[in-house]
Amino acid sequence: MDNLKRIIVDFKKLTPEVLRLLVERYPDGYDDRDIISFKNANGDKMEAVEVLTTDTKYLVKISAKLEVTMANYDEDDYEEFDDDDPEAIPDFTIEEE
């Protein structure tokens, strides 16, 4: 697992795949013990929750909007996306810090 890419991402830039994994990992929401605190390159305190794919460790920045997005997640909204087909997932920009 040490060879995983590490990416910090804002909830607004989550792919449907990562959002689905996040909801699966935290089906009842996350709590304080799930939160990872760290300082970014600018020295600002950041808080995130972790979600893993086969090759990447995502640290998803915490915000009130993330909680609402997770609470309102409906898998049917994303059924048109095929996780095995990268062309089916819309482009997004990863925000790294």
N, C-alpha and C. Protein backbone atom coordinates (compact mmCIF):
# COMPACT_ATOMS: atom_id res chain seq x y z
N MET A 1 0.81 -1.20 0.00
CA MET A 1 0.00 0.00 0.00
C MET A 1 0.85 1.27 0.00
N ASP A 2 2.13 1.15 0.26
CA ASP A 2 2.99 2.33 0.28
C ASP A 2 3.17 2.94 -1.09
N ASN A 3 2.83 2.22 -2.14
CA ASN A 3 3.00 2.73 -3.49
C ASN A 3 1.77 3.46 -4.01
N LEU A 4 0.81 3.71 -3.15
CA LEU A 4 -0.41 4.40 -3.57
C LEU A 4 -0.12 5.86 -3.85
N LYS A 5 -0.76 6.39 -4.90
CA LYS A 5 -0.73 7.83 -5.12
C LYS A 5 -1.56 8.46 -4.01
N ARG A 6 -1.15 9.63 -3.57
CA ARG A 6 -1.91 10.35 -2.55
C ARG A 6 -2.43 11.64 -3.16
N ILE A 7 -3.74 11.80 -3.10
CA ILE A 7 -4.38 12.96 -3.73
C ILE A 7 -5.33 13.61 -2.74
N ILE A 8 -5.20 14.91 -2.60
CA ILE A 8 -6.13 15.70 -1.80
C ILE A 8 -7.15 16.29 -2.76
N VAL A 9 -8.42 16.10 -2.45
CA VAL A 9 -9.46 16.56 -3.38
C VAL A 9 -10.62 17.18 -2.61
N ASP A 10 -11.19 18.22 -3.18
CA ASP A 10 -12.37 18.86 -2.63
C ASP A 10 -13.60 18.07 -3.07
N PHE A 11 -14.65 18.06 -2.27
CA PHE A 11 -15.83 17.28 -2.62
C PHE A 11 -16.40 17.68 -3.98
N LYS A 12 -16.25 18.94 -4.37
CA LYS A 12 -16.81 19.42 -5.64
C LYS A 12 -16.15 18.76 -6.83
N LYS A 13 -14.98 18.17 -6.61
CA LYS A 13 -14.23 17.58 -7.72
C LYS A 13 -14.18 16.06 -7.65
N LEU A 14 -15.07 15.48 -6.86
CA LEU A 14 -15.12 14.02 -6.75
C LEU A 14 -15.73 13.41 -8.00
N THR A 15 -15.15 12.31 -8.43
CA THR A 15 -15.76 11.56 -9.52
C THR A 15 -16.91 10.74 -8.92
N PRO A 16 -17.83 10.28 -9.73
CA PRO A 16 -18.89 9.40 -9.21
C PRO A 16 -18.31 8.17 -8.52
N GLU A 17 -17.22 7.63 -9.05
CA GLU A 17 -16.60 6.44 -8.45
C GLU A 17 -16.11 6.73 -7.03
N VAL A 18 -15.40 7.82 -6.85
CA VAL A 18 -14.86 8.15 -5.53
C VAL A 18 -15.98 8.51 -4.57
N LEU A 19 -17.00 9.21 -5.03
CA LEU A 19 -18.15 9.51 -4.18
C LEU A 19 -18.83 8.22 -3.73
N ARG A 20 -19.00 7.27 -4.64
CA ARG A 20 -19.61 5.98 -4.28
C ARG A 20 -18.77 5.26 -3.23
N LEU A 21 -17.45 5.23 -3.41
CA LEU A 21 -16.56 4.58 -2.44
C LEU A 21 -16.63 5.27 -1.08
N LEU A 22 -16.73 6.58 -1.10
CA LEU A 22 -16.82 7.35 0.14
C LEU A 22 -18.10 7.00 0.89
N VAL A 23 -19.20 6.94 0.18
CA VAL A 23 -20.49 6.60 0.81
C VAL A 23 -20.47 5.15 1.31
N GLU A 24 -19.83 4.25 0.57
CA GLU A 24 -19.72 2.86 1.01
C GLU A 24 -18.87 2.74 2.27
N ARG A 25 -17.78 3.50 2.31
CA ARG A 25 -16.88 3.42 3.47
C ARG A 25 -17.52 4.04 4.71
N TYR A 26 -18.29 5.09 4.53
CA TYR A 26 -18.92 5.80 5.65
C TYR A 26 -20.44 5.85 5.44
N PRO A 27 -21.13 4.69 5.46
CA PRO A 27 -22.57 4.66 5.14
C PRO A 27 -23.42 5.48 6.11
N ASP A 28 -22.96 5.63 7.34
CA ASP A 28 -23.70 6.41 8.33
C ASP A 28 -23.04 7.77 8.56
N GLY A 29 -22.20 8.19 7.62
CA GLY A 29 -21.44 9.42 7.78
C GLY A 29 -20.16 9.14 8.54
N TYR A 30 -19.31 10.11 8.59
CA TYR A 30 -18.04 9.96 9.30
C TYR A 30 -18.13 10.68 10.63
N ASP A 31 -17.24 10.31 11.55
CA ASP A 31 -17.19 11.03 12.83
C ASP A 31 -15.75 11.43 13.13
N ASP A 32 -15.52 11.97 14.29
CA ASP A 32 -14.22 12.54 14.63
C ASP A 32 -13.07 11.54 14.47
N ARG A 33 -13.30 10.27 14.78
CA ARG A 33 -12.20 9.30 14.69
C ARG A 33 -11.83 8.97 13.23
N ASP A 34 -12.69 9.33 12.28
CA ASP A 34 -12.40 9.09 10.86
C ASP A 34 -11.64 10.26 10.22
N ILE A 35 -11.58 11.38 10.91
CA ILE A 35 -11.00 12.60 10.34
C ILE A 35 -9.49 12.61 10.51
N ILE A 36 -8.81 12.92 9.42
CA ILE A 36 -7.36 13.06 9.41
C ILE A 36 -7.06 14.55 9.34
N SER A 37 -6.26 15.04 10.28
CA SER A 37 -5.86 16.45 10.30
C SER A 37 -4.40 16.56 9.86
N PHE A 38 -4.10 17.56 9.05
CA PHE A 38 -2.74 17.77 8.57
C PHE A 38 -2.60 19.22 8.12
N LYS A 39 -1.37 19.62 7.86
CA LYS A 39 -1.13 20.96 7.34
C LYS A 39 -0.74 20.85 5.88
N ASN A 40 -1.29 21.73 5.06
CA ASN A 40 -0.96 21.72 3.64
C ASN A 40 0.36 22.45 3.42
N ALA A 41 0.76 22.59 2.18
CA ALA A 41 2.04 23.22 1.84
C ALA A 41 2.11 24.67 2.32
N ASN A 42 0.96 25.33 2.47
CA ASN A 42 0.92 26.72 2.94
C ASN A 42 0.88 26.82 4.47
N GLY A 43 0.86 25.67 5.14
CA GLY A 43 0.80 25.66 6.59
C GLY A 43 -0.60 25.77 7.16
N ASP A 44 -1.61 25.73 6.29
CA ASP A 44 -3.01 25.79 6.74
C ASP A 44 -3.45 24.43 7.24
N LYS A 45 -4.20 24.43 8.35
CA LYS A 45 -4.73 23.17 8.87
C LYS A 45 -5.84 22.67 7.96
N MET A 46 -5.75 21.40 7.59
CA MET A 46 -6.75 20.77 6.74
C MET A 46 -7.33 19.57 7.48
N GLU A 47 -8.57 19.24 7.18
CA GLU A 47 -9.20 18.03 7.70
C GLU A 47 -9.81 17.29 6.53
N ALA A 48 -9.65 15.97 6.54
CA ALA A 48 -10.14 15.15 5.43
C ALA A 48 -10.51 13.77 5.93
N VAL A 49 -11.26 13.06 5.11
CA VAL A 49 -11.52 11.64 5.34
C VAL A 49 -10.86 10.88 4.20
N GLU A 50 -10.49 9.65 4.49
CA GLU A 50 -9.73 8.85 3.53
C GLU A 50 -10.62 7.87 2.80
N VAL A 51 -10.35 7.70 1.53
CA VAL A 51 -10.99 6.65 0.73
C VAL A 51 -9.93 6.10 -0.21
N LEU A 52 -9.95 4.79 -0.38
CA LEU A 52 -8.92 4.12 -1.19
C LEU A 52 -9.50 3.50 -2.44
N THR A 53 -8.72 3.59 -3.52
CA THR A 53 -8.99 2.80 -4.71
C THR A 53 -7.80 1.84 -4.82
N THR A 54 -7.75 1.06 -5.87
CA THR A 54 -6.67 0.08 -5.99
C THR A 54 -5.29 0.73 -6.10
N ASP A 55 -5.23 1.96 -6.62
CA ASP A 55 -3.93 2.59 -6.80
C ASP A 55 -3.79 3.97 -6.18
N THR A 56 -4.85 4.46 -5.50
CA THR A 56 -4.83 5.83 -5.02
C THR A 56 -5.45 5.95 -3.63
N LYS A 57 -4.83 6.77 -2.79
CA LYS A 57 -5.40 7.15 -1.50
C LYS A 57 -5.89 8.58 -1.65
N TYR A 58 -7.21 8.77 -1.59
CA TYR A 58 -7.81 10.09 -1.67
C TYR A 58 -8.03 10.62 -0.26
N LEU A 59 -7.65 11.86 -0.03
CA LEU A 59 -8.01 12.57 1.18
C LEU A 59 -9.03 13.61 0.74
N VAL A 60 -10.28 13.37 1.11
CA VAL A 60 -11.38 14.23 0.68
C VAL A 60 -11.59 15.30 1.76
N LYS A 61 -11.39 16.57 1.37
CA LYS A 61 -11.52 17.67 2.32
C LYS A 61 -12.93 17.70 2.91
N ILE A 62 -12.98 17.93 4.20
CA ILE A 62 -14.25 17.96 4.91
C ILE A 62 -14.88 19.35 4.81
N SER A 63 -16.17 19.34 4.58
CA SER A 63 -16.96 20.57 4.60
C SER A 63 -18.41 20.19 4.86
N ALA A 64 -19.20 21.16 5.22
CA ALA A 64 -20.63 20.89 5.44
C ALA A 64 -21.27 20.38 4.16
N LYS A 65 -20.82 20.87 3.02
CA LYS A 65 -21.39 20.44 1.75
C LYS A 65 -21.06 18.98 1.45
N LEU A 66 -19.89 18.50 1.91
CA LEU A 66 -19.56 17.09 1.72
C LEU A 66 -20.57 16.22 2.45
N GLU A 67 -20.91 16.58 3.68
CA GLU A 67 -21.88 15.81 4.45
C GLU A 67 -23.23 15.76 3.74
N VAL A 68 -23.66 16.89 3.21
CA VAL A 68 -24.94 16.95 2.50
C VAL A 68 -24.88 16.10 1.23
N THR A 69 -23.78 16.19 0.49
CA THR A 69 -23.62 15.40 -0.73
C THR A 69 -23.68 13.90 -0.43
N MET A 70 -22.98 13.49 0.63
CA MET A 70 -23.00 12.07 1.00
C MET A 70 -24.40 11.65 1.45
N ALA A 71 -25.06 12.49 2.24
CA ALA A 71 -26.39 12.15 2.75
C ALA A 71 -27.41 12.03 1.63
N ASN A 72 -27.24 12.81 0.58
CA ASN A 72 -28.19 12.81 -0.53
C ASN A 72 -27.78 11.90 -1.68
N TYR A 73 -26.70 11.15 -1.49
CA TYR A 73 -26.19 10.28 -2.55
C TYR A 73 -27.25 9.24 -2.91
N ASP A 74 -27.49 9.11 -4.18
CA ASP A 74 -28.40 8.09 -4.70
C ASP A 74 -27.67 7.40 -5.84
N GLU A 75 -27.38 6.13 -5.65
CA GLU A 75 -26.60 5.39 -6.65
C GLU A 75 -27.24 5.46 -8.03
N ASP A 76 -28.56 5.52 -8.09
CA ASP A 76 -29.24 5.58 -9.39
C ASP A 76 -28.87 6.83 -10.18
N ASP A 77 -28.49 7.90 -9.47
CA ASP A 77 -28.08 9.12 -10.15
C ASP A 77 -26.80 8.92 -10.96
N TYR A 78 -26.05 7.89 -10.60
CA TYR A 78 -24.75 7.67 -11.22
C TYR A 78 -24.69 6.37 -12.01
N GLU A 79 -25.82 5.70 -12.19
CA GLU A 79 -25.79 4.40 -12.85
C GLU A 79 -25.33 4.47 -14.30
N GLU A 80 -25.41 5.63 -14.93
CA GLU A 80 -24.98 5.74 -16.32
C GLU A 80 -23.46 5.66 -16.45
N PHE A 81 -22.74 5.82 -15.34
CA PHE A 81 -21.29 5.77 -15.39
C PHE A 81 -20.82 4.34 -15.17
N ASP A 82 -19.95 3.86 -16.02
CA ASP A 82 -19.38 2.53 -15.92
C ASP A 82 -18.00 2.67 -15.30
N ASP A 83 -17.81 2.16 -14.07
CA ASP A 83 -16.53 2.31 -13.37
C ASP A 83 -15.37 1.70 -14.13
N ASP A 84 -15.64 0.73 -14.98
CA ASP A 84 -14.56 0.07 -15.72
C ASP A 84 -14.21 0.82 -16.99
N ASP A 85 -14.98 1.83 -17.33
CA ASP A 85 -14.74 2.58 -18.56
C ASP A 85 -14.39 4.01 -18.21
N PRO A 86 -13.08 4.36 -18.22
CA PRO A 86 -12.69 5.72 -17.84
C PRO A 86 -13.30 6.79 -18.73
N GLU A 87 -13.68 6.43 -19.94
CA GLU A 87 -14.29 7.39 -20.85
C GLU A 87 -15.69 7.77 -20.38
N ALA A 88 -16.33 6.90 -19.58
CA ALA A 88 -17.70 7.15 -19.13
C ALA A 88 -17.75 8.11 -17.95
N ILE A 89 -16.63 8.29 -17.28
CA ILE A 89 -16.59 9.18 -16.12
C ILE A 89 -16.19 10.56 -16.59
N PRO A 90 -16.94 11.58 -16.23
CA PRO A 90 -16.62 12.93 -16.71
C PRO A 90 -15.24 13.37 -16.22
N ASP A 91 -14.61 14.23 -17.00
CA ASP A 91 -13.31 14.77 -16.62
C ASP A 91 -13.45 15.58 -15.36
N PHE A 92 -12.40 15.57 -14.55
CA PHE A 92 -12.37 16.42 -13.38
C PHE A 92 -10.93 16.80 -13.10
N THR A 93 -10.78 17.85 -12.35
CA THR A 93 -9.45 18.34 -12.01
C THR A 93 -9.18 17.98 -10.56
N ILE A 94 -8.03 17.42 -10.31
CA ILE A 94 -7.65 17.06 -8.95
C ILE A 94 -6.90 18.23 -8.35
N GLU A 95 -7.30 18.59 -7.15
CA GLU A 95 -6.65 19.68 -6.45
C GLU A 95 -5.66 19.08 -5.48
N GLU A 96 -4.40 19.20 -5.77
CA GLU A 96 -3.36 18.68 -4.90
C GLU A 96 -2.76 19.82 -4.10
N GLU A 97 -2.39 19.53 -2.87
CA GLU A 97 -1.74 20.54 -2.05
C GLU A 97 -0.52 19.94 -1.42
